[in-house]
C-alpha atoms as a PDB file:
ATOM      1  CA  MET A   1      -3.719  16.986  15.646  1.00  0.00           C
ATOM      2  CA  THR A   2      -0.615  15.454  14.090  1.00  0.00           C
ATOM      3  CA  ASN A   3       1.668  13.757  16.574  1.00  0.00           C
ATOM      4  CA  PRO A   4       5.451  13.389  16.120  1.00  0.00           C
ATOM      5  CA  ALA A   5       6.627  10.378  14.111  1.00  0.00           C
ATOM      6  CA  GLN A   6       7.951   7.595  16.322  1.00  0.00           C
ATOM      7  CA  SER A   7       9.637   4.215  15.994  1.00  0.00           C
ATOM      8  CA  PHE A   8       8.623   0.828  17.348  1.00  0.00           C
ATOM      9  CA  THR A   9      11.345  -1.821  17.613  1.00  0.00           C
ATOM     10  CA  ILE A  10      10.933  -5.590  17.662  1.00  0.00           C
ATOM     11  CA  ARG A  11      13.826  -7.799  18.720  1.00  0.00           C
ATOM     12  CA  ASP A  12      14.745 -10.988  16.835  1.00  0.00           C
ATOM     13  CA  PHE A  13      11.965 -10.607  14.291  1.00  0.00           C
ATOM     14  CA  GLU A  14      11.633 -13.719  12.130  1.00  0.00           C
ATOM     15  CA  LEU A  15      10.483 -12.978   8.603  1.00  0.00           C
ATOM     16  CA  GLN A  16       8.385 -15.286   6.483  1.00  0.00           C
ATOM     17  CA  CYS A  17      11.372 -15.821   4.152  1.00  0.00           C
ATOM     18  CA  GLY A  18      13.256 -17.390   7.082  1.00  0.00           C
ATOM     19  CA  ALA A  19      15.648 -14.530   7.855  1.00  0.00           C
ATOM     20  CA  VAL A  20      15.815 -13.233  11.414  1.00  0.00           C
ATOM     21  CA  LEU A  21      16.388  -9.514  11.931  1.00  0.00           C
ATOM     22  CA  PRO A  22      18.186  -8.671  15.203  1.00  0.00           C
ATOM     23  CA  THR A  23      15.935  -5.616  15.301  1.00  0.00           C
ATOM     24  CA  ALA A  24      13.018  -4.648  13.084  1.00  0.00           C
ATOM     25  CA  THR A  25      11.787  -1.075  13.242  1.00  0.00           C
ATOM     26  CA  VAL A  26       8.380   0.255  12.223  1.00  0.00           C
ATOM     27  CA  LEU A  27       8.318   4.025  11.897  1.00  0.00           C
ATOM     28  CA  TYR A  28       4.792   5.351  12.342  1.00  0.00           C
ATOM     29  CA  GLN A  29       2.823   8.575  12.532  1.00  0.00           C
ATOM     30  CA  THR A  30      -0.432   9.147  14.402  1.00  0.00           C
ATOM     31  CA  TYR A  31      -3.162  11.748  13.976  1.00  0.00           C
ATOM     32  CA  GLY A  32      -5.867  12.657  16.473  1.00  0.00           C
ATOM     33  CA  GLU A  33      -6.378  11.224  19.953  1.00  0.00           C
ATOM     34  CA  LEU A  34      -7.175   7.690  21.080  1.00  0.00           C
ATOM     35  CA  ARG A  35     -10.312   7.548  23.196  1.00  0.00           C
ATOM     36  CA  GLY A  36     -10.238   5.893  26.584  1.00  0.00           C
ATOM     37  CA  ASP A  37     -12.235   2.935  25.286  1.00  0.00           C
ATOM     38  CA  ARG A  38      -9.800   2.616  22.298  1.00  0.00           C
ATOM     39  CA  ALA A  39     -12.792   2.272  19.976  1.00  0.00           C
ATOM     40  CA  ASN A  40     -11.818   4.981  17.465  1.00  0.00           C
ATOM     41  CA  ALA A  41      -8.601   3.532  16.019  1.00  0.00           C
ATOM     42  CA  ILE A  42      -8.048   3.482  12.248  1.00  0.00           C
ATOM     43  CA  LEU A  43      -5.051   1.792  10.655  1.00  0.00           C
ATOM     44  CA  TYR A  44      -3.855   3.283   7.359  1.00  0.00           C
ATOM     45  CA  PRO A  45      -0.945   1.236   5.875  1.00  0.00           C
ATOM     46  CA  THR A  46       1.322   2.730   3.207  1.00  0.00           C
ATOM     47  CA  SER A  47       1.243   2.008  -0.520  1.00  0.00           C
ATOM     48  CA  TYR A  48       4.061   1.208  -2.959  1.00  0.00           C
ATOM     49  CA  GLY A  49       6.901   3.722  -2.866  1.00  0.00           C
ATOM     50  CA  ALA A  50       5.034   5.894  -0.359  1.00  0.00           C
ATOM     51  CA  GLN A  51       6.012   7.094   3.062  1.00  0.00           C
ATOM     52  CA  HIS A  52       3.534   8.461   5.576  1.00  0.00           C
ATOM     53  CA  THR A  53       4.051  12.086   4.512  1.00  0.00           C
ATOM     54  CA  ASP A  54       3.076  11.128   0.948  1.00  0.00           C
ATOM     55  CA  ILE A  55      -0.353   9.782   1.890  1.00  0.00           C
ATOM     56  CA  ASP A  56      -1.499  11.788   4.907  1.00  0.00           C
ATOM     57  CA  TRP A  57      -2.984  14.552   2.736  1.00  0.00           C
ATOM     58  CA  LEU A  58      -6.382  12.841   3.073  1.00  0.00           C
ATOM     59  CA  ILE A  59      -6.377  13.236   6.871  1.00  0.00           C
ATOM     60  CA  GLY A  60      -8.220  16.346   8.032  1.00  0.00           C
ATOM     61  CA  PRO A  61     -11.594  17.568   9.346  1.00  0.00           C
ATOM     62  CA  GLU A  62     -13.001  17.960   5.828  1.00  0.00           C
ATOM     63  CA  ARG A  63     -11.066  15.128   4.215  1.00  0.00           C
ATOM     64  CA  ILE A  64     -11.566  11.374   3.899  1.00  0.00           C
ATOM     65  CA  LEU A  65     -10.337  10.512   7.422  1.00  0.00           C
ATOM     66  CA  ASP A  66     -11.231  12.997  10.177  1.00  0.00           C
ATOM     67  CA  PRO A  67      -8.672  13.178  13.027  1.00  0.00           C
ATOM     68  CA  THR A  68     -11.101  15.099  15.245  1.00  0.00           C
ATOM     69  CA  ARG A  69     -13.145  11.888  15.495  1.00  0.00           C
ATOM     70  CA  TRP A  70     -10.653   9.113  14.810  1.00  0.00           C
ATOM     71  CA  PHE A  71      -7.193   8.113  16.002  1.00  0.00           C
ATOM     72  CA  ILE A  72      -5.382   7.337  12.761  1.00  0.00           C
ATOM     73  CA  ILE A  73      -2.147   5.354  12.648  1.00  0.00           C
ATOM     74  CA  ILE A  74       0.052   5.181   9.550  1.00  0.00           C
ATOM     75  CA  PRO A  75       2.699   2.443   9.897  1.00  0.00           C
ATOM     76  CA  ASN A  76       5.341   2.621   7.174  1.00  0.00           C
ATOM     77  CA  GLN A  77       5.622  -0.777   5.555  1.00  0.00           C
ATOM     78  CA  LEU A  78       8.852  -2.733   5.796  1.00  0.00           C
ATOM     79  CA  GLY A  79      11.142  -1.877   2.886  1.00  0.00           C
ATOM     80  CA  ASN A  80       9.877   1.670   2.258  1.00  0.00           C
ATOM     81  CA  GLY A  81      13.008   3.461   3.463  1.00  0.00           C
ATOM     82  CA  LEU A  82      11.674   4.609   6.844  1.00  0.00           C
ATOM     83  CA  SER A  83      10.847   1.322   8.518  1.00  0.00           C
ATOM     84  CA  THR A  84      13.509  -1.416   8.318  1.00  0.00           C
ATOM     85  CA  SER A  85      14.679  -1.528   4.687  1.00  0.00           C
ATOM     86  CA  PRO A  86      17.663  -2.493   2.552  1.00  0.00           C
ATOM     87  CA  SER A  87      18.720   1.177   2.493  1.00  0.00           C
ATOM     88  CA  ASN A  88      18.964   1.494   6.279  1.00  0.00           C
ATOM     89  CA  ASP A  89      19.745  -1.993   7.606  1.00  0.00           C
ATOM     90  CA  SER A  90      22.653  -4.130   6.412  1.00  0.00           C
ATOM     91  CA  HIS A  91      20.827  -7.276   7.570  1.00  0.00           C
ATOM     92  CA  CYS A  92      18.314  -6.776   4.754  1.00  0.00           C
ATOM     93  CA  GLY A  93      18.830  -7.980   1.208  1.00  0.00           C
ATOM     94  CA  LEU A  94      16.826  -8.704  -1.918  1.00  0.00           C
ATOM     95  CA  ALA A  95      15.317 -11.848  -3.404  1.00  0.00           C
ATOM     96  CA  GLU A  96      18.623 -12.538  -5.173  1.00  0.00           C
ATOM     97  CA  ASN A  97      20.053 -13.093  -1.685  1.00  0.00           C
ATOM     98  CA  GLY A  98      17.072 -15.145  -0.479  1.00  0.00           C
ATOM     99  CA  PHE A  99      15.655 -12.186   1.448  1.00  0.00           C
ATOM    100  CA  TRP A 100      12.278 -10.502   1.119  1.00  0.00           C
ATOM    101  CA  PHE A 101       9.476  -8.992   3.163  1.00  0.00           C
ATOM    102  CA  THR A 102       5.856 -10.113   2.928  1.00  0.00           C
ATOM    103  CA  HIS A 103       2.602  -8.555   4.012  1.00  0.00           C
ATOM    104  CA  TYR A 104       2.404 -11.278   6.647  1.00  0.00           C
ATOM    105  CA  ASP A 105       5.559  -9.721   8.106  1.00  0.00           C
ATOM    106  CA  ASN A 106       3.940  -6.266   7.965  1.00  0.00           C
ATOM    107  CA  LEU A 107       0.786  -7.632   9.574  1.00  0.00           C
ATOM    108  CA  ARG A 108       2.604  -9.207  12.506  1.00  0.00           C
ATOM    109  CA  ALA A 109       4.771  -6.134  13.102  1.00  0.00           C
ATOM    110  CA  GLN A 110       1.754  -3.808  12.980  1.00  0.00           C
ATOM    111  CA  GLU A 111      -0.290  -6.007  15.316  1.00  0.00           C
ATOM    112  CA  GLN A 112       2.518  -5.968  17.872  1.00  0.00           C
ATOM    113  CA  LEU A 113       2.843  -2.195  17.512  1.00  0.00           C
ATOM    114  CA  LEU A 114      -0.869  -1.628  18.198  1.00  0.00           C
ATOM    115  CA  ARG A 115      -1.082  -4.054  21.085  1.00  0.00           C
ATOM    116  CA  GLU A 116       2.100  -3.088  22.926  1.00  0.00           C
ATOM    117  CA  THR A 117       2.000   0.673  22.345  1.00  0.00           C
ATOM    118  CA  TRP A 118      -1.693   1.445  22.943  1.00  0.00           C
ATOM    119  CA  GLY A 119      -3.370  -1.799  23.949  1.00  0.00           C
ATOM    120  CA  ILE A 120      -5.506  -1.651  20.796  1.00  0.00           C
ATOM    121  CA  GLU A 121      -7.259  -4.976  20.313  1.00  0.00           C
ATOM    122  CA  ARG A 122      -9.907  -3.851  17.814  1.00  0.00           C
ATOM    123  CA  LEU A 123      -9.816  -1.543  14.807  1.00  0.00           C
ATOM    124  CA  ALA A 124     -12.769   0.556  13.690  1.00  0.00           C
ATOM    125  CA  LEU A 125     -11.360   0.584  10.161  1.00  0.00           C
ATOM    126  CA  VAL A 126      -8.372  -0.509   8.114  1.00  0.00           C
ATOM    127  CA  TYR A 127      -8.116   1.884   5.186  1.00  0.00           C
ATOM    128  CA  GLY A 128      -5.678   1.221   2.359  1.00  0.00           C
ATOM    129  CA  TRP A 129      -4.921   2.053  -1.246  1.00  0.00           C
ATOM    130  CA  SER A 130      -2.969  -0.282  -3.552  1.00  0.00           C
ATOM    131  CA  MET A 131      -0.429  -2.161  -1.400  1.00  0.00           C
ATOM    132  CA  GLY A 132      -2.205  -0.612   1.576  1.00  0.00           C
ATOM    133  CA  ALA A 133      -5.405  -2.342   0.471  1.00  0.00           C
ATOM    134  CA  GLN A 134      -3.504  -5.622   0.308  1.00  0.00           C
ATOM    135  CA  GLN A 135      -2.448  -5.170   3.938  1.00  0.00           C
ATOM    136  CA  ALA A 136      -6.048  -4.357   4.876  1.00  0.00           C
ATOM    137  CA  TYR A 137      -7.168  -7.717   3.493  1.00  0.00           C
ATOM    138  CA  TYR A 138      -4.439  -9.494   5.489  1.00  0.00           C
ATOM    139  CA  TRP A 139      -5.757  -7.804   8.628  1.00  0.00           C
ATOM    140  CA  GLY A 140      -9.353  -8.785   7.914  1.00  0.00           C
ATOM    141  CA  ALA A 141      -8.510 -12.414   7.181  1.00  0.00           C
ATOM    142  CA  HIS A 142      -6.067 -13.022  10.030  1.00  0.00           C
ATOM    143  CA  TYR A 143      -7.873 -11.028  12.715  1.00  0.00           C
ATOM    144  CA  PRO A 144     -11.547 -11.348  11.697  1.00  0.00           C
ATOM    145  CA  ASP A 145     -12.823 -10.555  15.194  1.00  0.00           C
ATOM    146  CA  ARG A 146     -10.614  -7.479  15.560  1.00  0.00           C
ATOM    147  CA  VAL A 147     -11.415  -5.533  12.374  1.00  0.00           C
ATOM    148  CA  GLU A 148     -14.847  -3.901  12.158  1.00  0.00           C
ATOM    149  CA  ARG A 149     -14.502  -2.357   8.692  1.00  0.00           C
ATOM    150  CA  ILE A 150     -12.198  -2.409   5.679  1.00  0.00           C
ATOM    151  CA  ALA A 151     -11.922   0.167   2.915  1.00  0.00           C
ATOM    152  CA  ALA A 152      -9.839  -1.443   0.164  1.00  0.00           C
ATOM    153  CA  LEU A 153      -9.129   0.976  -2.668  1.00  0.00           C
ATOM    154  CA  CYS A 154      -7.577  -0.232  -5.925  1.00  0.00           C
ATOM    155  CA  GLY A 155      -6.009  -3.357  -4.489  1.00  0.00           C
ATOM    156  CA  THR A 156      -6.484  -7.121  -4.305  1.00  0.00           C
ATOM    157  CA  ALA A 157      -5.825  -9.716  -1.634  1.00  0.00           C
ATOM    158  CA  LYS A 158      -3.710 -11.707  -4.074  1.00  0.00           C
ATOM    159  CA  THR A 159      -1.489 -10.353  -6.820  1.00  0.00           C
ATOM    160  CA  THR A 160      -2.742 -11.721 -10.136  1.00  0.00           C
ATOM    161  CA  GLU A 161      -0.428 -13.137 -12.788  1.00  0.00           C
ATOM    162  CA  HIS A 162      -1.146 -10.187 -15.067  1.00  0.00           C
ATOM    163  CA  ASN A 163      -0.190  -7.806 -12.255  1.00  0.00           C
ATOM    164  CA  GLN A 164       2.988  -9.824 -11.689  1.00  0.00           C
ATOM    165  CA  ILE A 165       4.028  -9.236 -15.308  1.00  0.00           C
ATOM    166  CA  PHE A 166       3.706  -5.490 -14.741  1.00  0.00           C
ATOM    167  CA  LEU A 167       5.866  -5.776 -11.614  1.00  0.00           C
ATOM    168  CA  TRP A 168       8.507  -7.889 -13.333  1.00  0.00           C
ATOM    169  CA  SER A 169       8.736  -5.255 -16.068  1.00  0.00           C
ATOM    170  CA  LEU A 170       9.468  -2.588 -13.439  1.00  0.00           C
ATOM    171  CA  ARG A 171      12.007  -4.792 -11.693  1.00  0.00           C
ATOM    172  CA  SER A 172      13.666  -5.732 -14.979  1.00  0.00           C
ATOM    173  CA  ALA A 173      13.942  -2.081 -16.027  1.00  0.00           C
ATOM    174  CA  LEU A 174      15.791  -1.152 -12.839  1.00  0.00           C
ATOM    175  CA  THR A 175      18.079  -4.172 -12.821  1.00  0.00           C
ATOM    176  CA  ALA A 176      18.953  -3.827 -16.537  1.00  0.00           C
ATOM    177  CA  ASP A 177      20.993  -0.764 -15.599  1.00  0.00           C
ATOM    178  CA  PRO A 178      24.806  -1.160 -15.720  1.00  0.00           C
ATOM    179  CA  ALA A 179      24.951  -0.221 -12.019  1.00  0.00           C
ATOM    180  CA  TRP A 180      23.295  -3.556 -11.123  1.00  0.00           C
ATOM    181  CA  ASN A 181      25.846  -6.300 -10.366  1.00  0.00           C
ATOM    182  CA  GLY A 182      23.393  -9.176 -10.044  1.00  0.00           C
ATOM    183  CA  SER A 183      22.589  -8.736  -6.369  1.00  0.00           C
ATOM    184  CA  CYS A 184      22.764  -4.998  -5.630  1.00  0.00           C
ATOM    185  CA  PHE A 185      23.406  -1.589  -7.197  1.00  0.00           C
ATOM    186  CA  GLU A 186      26.961  -0.276  -7.206  1.00  0.00           C
ATOM    187  CA  GLY A 187      25.890   3.218  -8.259  1.00  0.00           C
ATOM    188  CA  VAL A 188      22.889   5.268  -9.283  1.00  0.00           C
ATOM    189  CA  PRO A 189      20.853   3.403 -11.949  1.00  0.00           C
ATOM    190  CA  ASP A 190      20.180   6.455 -14.116  1.00  0.00           C
ATOM    191  CA  ARG A 191      18.980   4.523 -17.152  1.00  0.00           C
ATOM    192  CA  GLY A 192      17.068   2.154 -14.904  1.00  0.00           C
ATOM    193  CA  TYR A 193      15.153   4.946 -13.188  1.00  0.00           C
ATOM    194  CA  ARG A 194      14.272   6.451 -16.559  1.00  0.00           C
ATOM    195  CA  ALA A 195      12.911   3.201 -18.023  1.00  0.00           C
ATOM    196  CA  TYR A 196      11.176   2.224 -14.773  1.00  0.00           C
ATOM    197  CA  ALA A 197       9.348   5.565 -14.501  1.00  0.00           C
ATOM    198  CA  ARG A 198       8.073   5.428 -18.057  1.00  0.00           C
ATOM    199  CA  ILE A 199       6.787   1.899 -17.683  1.00  0.00           C
ATOM    200  CA  TYR A 200       5.038   2.857 -14.465  1.00  0.00           C
ATOM    201  CA  ALA A 201       3.438   5.973 -15.966  1.00  0.00           C
ATOM    202  CA  SER A 202       1.962   3.940 -18.811  1.00  0.00           C
ATOM    203  CA  TRP A 203       0.152   1.604 -16.397  1.00  0.00           C
ATOM    204  CA  ALA A 204      -0.855   3.867 -13.505  1.00  0.00           C
ATOM    205  CA  ALA A 205      -3.120   6.201 -15.504  1.00  0.00           C
ATOM    206  CA  SER A 206      -5.621   5.229 -18.157  1.00  0.00           C
ATOM    207  CA  GLN A 207      -5.696   5.759 -21.903  1.00  0.00           C
ATOM    208  CA  PRO A 208      -8.481   8.377 -21.564  1.00  0.00           C
ATOM    209  CA  TYR A 209      -6.362  10.232 -18.990  1.00  0.00           C
ATOM    210  CA  TYR A 210      -3.586  10.641 -21.555  1.00  0.00           C
ATOM    211  CA  ARG A 211      -5.975  11.256 -24.410  1.00  0.00           C
ATOM    212  CA  GLU A 212      -7.438  14.209 -22.525  1.00  0.00           C
ATOM    213  CA  ARG A 213      -3.955  15.317 -21.357  1.00  0.00           C
ATOM    214  CA  ILE A 214      -5.121  15.758 -17.786  1.00  0.00           C
ATOM    215  CA  TYR A 215      -1.516  16.271 -16.683  1.00  0.00           C
ATOM    216  CA  ARG A 216      -1.445  19.686 -18.370  1.00  0.00           C
ATOM    217  CA  GLN A 217      -3.807  20.959 -15.653  1.00  0.00           C
ATOM    218  CA  PHE A 218      -0.928  20.721 -13.197  1.00  0.00           C
ATOM    219  CA  GLY A 219       1.586  22.831 -15.062  1.00  0.00           C
ATOM    220  CA  TYR A 220       3.392  20.241 -17.179  1.00  0.00           C
ATOM    221  CA  ASP A 221       3.956  21.705 -20.624  1.00  0.00           C
ATOM    222  CA  SER A 222       4.476  18.402 -22.455  1.00  0.00           C
ATOM    223  CA  LEU A 223       4.178  14.657 -22.025  1.00  0.00           C
ATOM    224  CA  GLU A 224       7.955  14.384 -21.566  1.00  0.00           C
ATOM    225  CA  ASP A 225       7.888  17.100 -18.905  1.00  0.00           C
ATOM    226  CA  TYR A 226       5.208  15.140 -17.057  1.00  0.00           C
ATOM    227  CA  LEU A 227       7.122  11.869 -17.307  1.00  0.00           C
ATOM    228  CA  GLN A 228      10.331  13.496 -16.107  1.00  0.00           C
ATOM    229  CA  GLN A 229       9.036  15.641 -13.259  1.00  0.00           C
ATOM    230  CA  GLY A 230       5.879  13.783 -12.303  1.00  0.00           C
ATOM    231  CA  TRP A 231       7.338  10.288 -12.423  1.00  0.00           C
ATOM    232  CA  GLU A 232      11.092   9.929 -12.771  1.00  0.00           C
ATOM    233  CA  ASP A 233      12.056  12.719 -10.367  1.00  0.00           C
ATOM    234  CA  ASN A 234       9.530  11.413  -7.851  1.00  0.00           C
ATOM    235  CA  TYR A 235      10.929   7.878  -7.784  1.00  0.00           C
ATOM    236  CA  ARG A 236      14.527   9.051  -7.755  1.00  0.00           C
ATOM    237  CA  ARG A 237      13.802  10.126  -4.179  1.00  0.00           C
ATOM    238  CA  ARG A 238      13.720   6.437  -3.251  1.00  0.00           C
ATOM    239  CA  ASP A 239      16.685   4.120  -2.949  1.00  0.00           C
ATOM    240  CA  PRO A 240      16.504   1.579  -5.811  1.00  0.00           C
ATOM    241  CA  HIS A 241      17.043  -1.323  -3.396  1.00  0.00           C
ATOM    242  CA  ASP A 242      13.941  -0.233  -1.480  1.00  0.00           C
ATOM    243  CA  LEU A 243      11.913   0.055  -4.694  1.00  0.00           C
ATOM    244  CA  ILE A 244      12.844  -3.531  -5.516  1.00  0.00           C
ATOM    245  CA  ALA A 245      12.147  -4.710  -1.964  1.00  0.00           C
ATOM    246  CA  MET A 246       8.604  -3.336  -2.177  1.00  0.00           C
ATOM    247  CA  ILE A 247       8.123  -4.914  -5.621  1.00  0.00           C
ATOM    248  CA  ASP A 248       9.181  -8.240  -4.116  1.00  0.00           C
ATOM    249  CA  THR A 249       6.575  -7.847  -1.357  1.00  0.00           C
ATOM    250  CA  TRP A 250       3.892  -6.982  -3.894  1.00  0.00           C
ATOM    251  CA  LEU A 251       4.838  -9.933  -6.114  1.00  0.00           C
ATOM    252  CA  ARG A 252       4.349 -12.301  -3.176  1.00  0.00           C
ATOM    253  CA  CYS A 253       1.049 -10.887  -1.976  1.00  0.00           C
ATOM    254  CA  ASP A 254      -1.347 -13.764  -1.336  1.00  0.00           C
ATOM    255  CA  VAL A 255      -3.580 -13.453   1.710  1.00  0.00           C
ATOM    256  CA  SER A 256      -3.714 -17.241   1.949  1.00  0.00           C
ATOM    257  CA  ASP A 257       0.052 -17.863   1.736  1.00  0.00           C
ATOM    258  CA  THR A 258       0.490 -17.911   5.512  1.00  0.00           C
ATOM    259  CA  PRO A 259       0.664 -20.605   8.200  1.00  0.00           C
ATOM    260  CA  ILE A 260      -2.980 -19.865   9.042  1.00  0.00           C
ATOM    261  CA  PHE A 261      -4.499 -20.611   5.619  1.00  0.00           C
ATOM    262  CA  GLN A 262      -1.757 -22.640   3.904  1.00  0.00           C
ATOM    263  CA  GLY A 263      -2.754 -21.572   0.409  1.00  0.00           C
ATOM    264  CA  ASN A 264      -6.532 -21.833   0.777  1.00  0.00           C
ATOM    265  CA  TYR A 265      -7.414 -18.535  -0.916  1.00  0.00           C
ATOM    266  CA  SER A 266     -11.191 -18.876  -0.836  1.00  0.00           C
ATOM    267  CA  LYS A 267     -11.103 -19.780   2.851  1.00  0.00           C
ATOM    268  CA  ALA A 268      -8.963 -16.732   3.630  1.00  0.00           C
ATOM    269  CA  LEU A 269     -11.394 -14.346   1.928  1.00  0.00           C
ATOM    270  CA  SER A 270     -14.478 -16.037   3.367  1.00  0.00           C
ATOM    271  CA  THR A 271     -12.986 -15.650   6.844  1.00  0.00           C
ATOM    272  CA  ILE A 272     -13.155 -11.848   6.624  1.00  0.00           C
ATOM    273  CA  GLN A 273     -16.062 -10.680   8.787  1.00  0.00           C
ATOM    274  CA  ALA A 274     -15.475  -6.935   8.520  1.00  0.00           C
ATOM    275  CA  GLN A 275     -17.898  -4.741   6.632  1.00  0.00           C
ATOM    276  CA  THR A 276     -15.744  -4.402   3.552  1.00  0.00           C
ATOM    277  CA  LEU A 277     -15.879  -1.659   0.958  1.00  0.00           C
ATOM    278  CA  VAL A 278     -14.188  -2.846  -2.241  1.00  0.00           C
ATOM    279  CA  MET A 279     -13.383   0.201  -4.371  1.00  0.00           C
ATOM    280  CA  PRO A 280     -11.443  -0.342  -7.585  1.00  0.00           C
ATOM    281  CA  ALA A 281     -11.193   2.354 -10.223  1.00  0.00           C
ATOM    282  CA  THR A 282     -13.172   1.629 -13.356  1.00  0.00           C
ATOM    283  CA  THR A 283     -10.055   2.269 -15.490  1.00  0.00           C
ATOM    284  CA  ASP A 284      -7.368   0.638 -13.308  1.00  0.00           C
ATOM    285  CA  LEU A 285      -5.089  -1.381 -15.581  1.00  0.00           C
ATOM    286  CA  TYR A 286      -3.419  -3.676 -13.041  1.00  0.00           C
ATOM    287  CA  PHE A 287      -5.816  -3.945 -10.082  1.00  0.00           C
ATOM    288  CA  THR A 288      -8.666  -4.407 -12.508  1.00  0.00           C
ATOM    289  CA  PRO A 289     -12.356  -3.975 -11.635  1.00  0.00           C
ATOM    290  CA  ASP A 290     -13.054  -7.591 -12.620  1.00  0.00           C
ATOM    291  CA  ASP A 291     -10.352  -8.931 -10.300  1.00  0.00           C
ATOM    292  CA  CYS A 292     -11.635  -6.790  -7.441  1.00  0.00           C
ATOM    293  CA  ALA A 293     -15.239  -7.815  -8.101  1.00  0.00           C
ATOM    294  CA  ASN A 294     -14.273 -11.485  -8.039  1.00  0.00           C
ATOM    295  CA  GLU A 295     -12.742 -11.050  -4.590  1.00  0.00           C
ATOM    296  CA  ALA A 296     -15.667  -8.988  -3.317  1.00  0.00           C
ATOM    297  CA  ALA A 297     -17.991 -11.872  -4.194  1.00  0.00           C
ATOM    298  CA  MET A 298     -15.946 -14.127  -1.879  1.00  0.00           C
ATOM    299  CA  ILE A 299     -16.064 -11.778   1.143  1.00  0.00           C
ATOM    300  CA  PRO A 300     -19.270 -12.267   3.176  1.00  0.00           C
ATOM    301  CA  ARG A 301     -20.031  -8.615   4.028  1.00  0.00           C
ATOM    302  CA  ALA A 302     -18.456  -6.862   1.065  1.00  0.00           C
ATOM    303  CA  VAL A 303     -19.937  -3.986  -0.896  1.00  0.00           C
ATOM    304  CA  TYR A 304     -18.500  -3.464  -4.365  1.00  0.00           C
ATOM    305  CA  ARG A 305     -18.394   0.218  -5.322  1.00  0.00           C
ATOM    306  CA  PRO A 306     -16.030   1.122  -8.187  1.00  0.00           C
ATOM    307  CA  ILE A 307     -14.760   4.684  -8.528  1.00  0.00           C
ATOM    308  CA  PRO A 308     -16.040   6.096 -11.854  1.00  0.00           C
ATOM    309  CA  SER A 309     -12.837   7.738 -13.021  1.00  0.00           C
ATOM    310  CA  ILE A 310     -10.461   8.052 -15.979  1.00  0.00           C
ATOM    311  CA  TRP A 311      -7.509   8.460 -13.602  1.00  0.00           C
ATOM    312  CA  GLY A 312      -6.783   4.736 -13.587  1.00  0.00           C
ATOM    313  CA  HIS A 313      -5.030   3.341 -10.537  1.00  0.00           C
ATOM    314  CA  ARG A 314      -4.332   6.827  -9.212  1.00  0.00           C
ATOM    315  CA  ALA A 315      -8.057   7.431  -8.698  1.00  0.00           C
ATOM    316  CA  GLY A 316      -7.608   5.680  -5.352  1.00  0.00           C
ATOM    317  CA  ASN A 317      -5.159   8.348  -4.149  1.00  0.00           C
ATOM    318  CA  PRO A 318      -6.829  11.477  -5.557  1.00  0.00           C
ATOM    319  CA  TYR A 319      -4.756  14.258  -4.028  1.00  0.00           C
ATOM    320  CA  GLN A 320      -5.059  16.238  -7.291  1.00  0.00           C
ATOM    321  CA  ASN A 321      -8.552  15.062  -8.113  1.00  0.00           C
ATOM    322  CA  PRO A 322     -11.438  16.561  -6.052  1.00  0.00           C
ATOM    323  CA  ASP A 323     -14.186  14.601  -7.847  1.00  0.00           C
ATOM    324  CA  ASP A 324     -12.725  11.217  -6.970  1.00  0.00           C
ATOM    325  CA  GLU A 325     -11.847  12.412  -3.473  1.00  0.00           C
ATOM    326  CA  SER A 326     -15.482  13.420  -2.935  1.00  0.00           C
ATOM    327  CA  PHE A 327     -16.730  10.030  -4.149  1.00  0.00           C
ATOM    328  CA  ILE A 328     -14.347   8.212  -1.813  1.00  0.00           C
ATOM    329  CA  ARG A 329     -15.071  10.509   1.142  1.00  0.00           C
ATOM    330  CA  GLN A 330     -18.814   9.954   0.842  1.00  0.00           C
ATOM    331  CA  SER A 331     -18.402   6.175   0.507  1.00  0.00           C
ATOM    332  CA  VAL A 332     -16.064   5.916   3.513  1.00  0.00           C
ATOM    333  CA  SER A 333     -18.327   8.177   5.558  1.00  0.00           C
ATOM    334  CA  GLU A 334     -21.235   5.819   4.889  1.00  0.00           C
ATOM    335  CA  LEU A 335     -19.076   2.848   5.846  1.00  0.00           C
ATOM    336  CA  LEU A 336     -18.063   4.441   9.144  1.00  0.00           C
ATOM    337  CA  LYS A 337     -21.704   5.108  10.023  1.00  0.00           C
ATOM    338  CA  ARG A 338     -22.688   1.458   9.738  1.00  0.00           C
END
């Protein structure tokens, strides 16, 4: 059962950057029914550029998350164009204006949503891919007694310097467009979108993926056709200010950069008590298997299980890829049985 999307509003919400939003809105979608004991709740945060309708394909009786058993909540992250974002709230800005969202902001907004809307004090699972995995780690570290399990796919608890370079290249491509005036866009960044999409495509899938021309299986008749329709047209659906806002959140991801841990990264990871499934893709180029393995070694109850795939980062969101979906479904099913 898919329930209607709804909004949760927080008054005078103070962000980690110091800005105070008169109102902050989290738009969310739920699937399934919450049991009376509230013990079947799963939180599924959104990834970069995604809104809940982009990632709910994996919810279904025969999919990765079964709504006939679990009550699944997808909160759209701040900055994604549905929850409070630069595109829909004039109180929001970008880093050039001293404004940004962090995952600590997402965490606090989501916790308030769960507690005040349903009285949920404990989560059976936090499931996330990419930036969603980052939010899952924040949940596990900051609420160790309230998260039973974590499934972190193709994401790290702290954005590495190498990953930051990738993100700066995306940000630089968008803001190199003539429509950028130094603090915002005054028009559609056509050249920016084009460069941004091609940079992203080169990182998100692996060299073997392109060598085998997997994209041709989905009707693209050339590499350029794939880059145009599969990447550029997809990201043109998003406001460029929101794309930058989410990059700025990703750049600042550090599970320990909060008042609770004050920069103590190893302490933050060691605080996680959830049974944690760490699932990178073996060919991910920016959330690398080595980086994920290093974090898994610091989490007390972590199991490291890489996805054997040539799909690169996109192996963690395998809506076109039944083999990787099956591997993930089996692994998550085993996690939920523990």
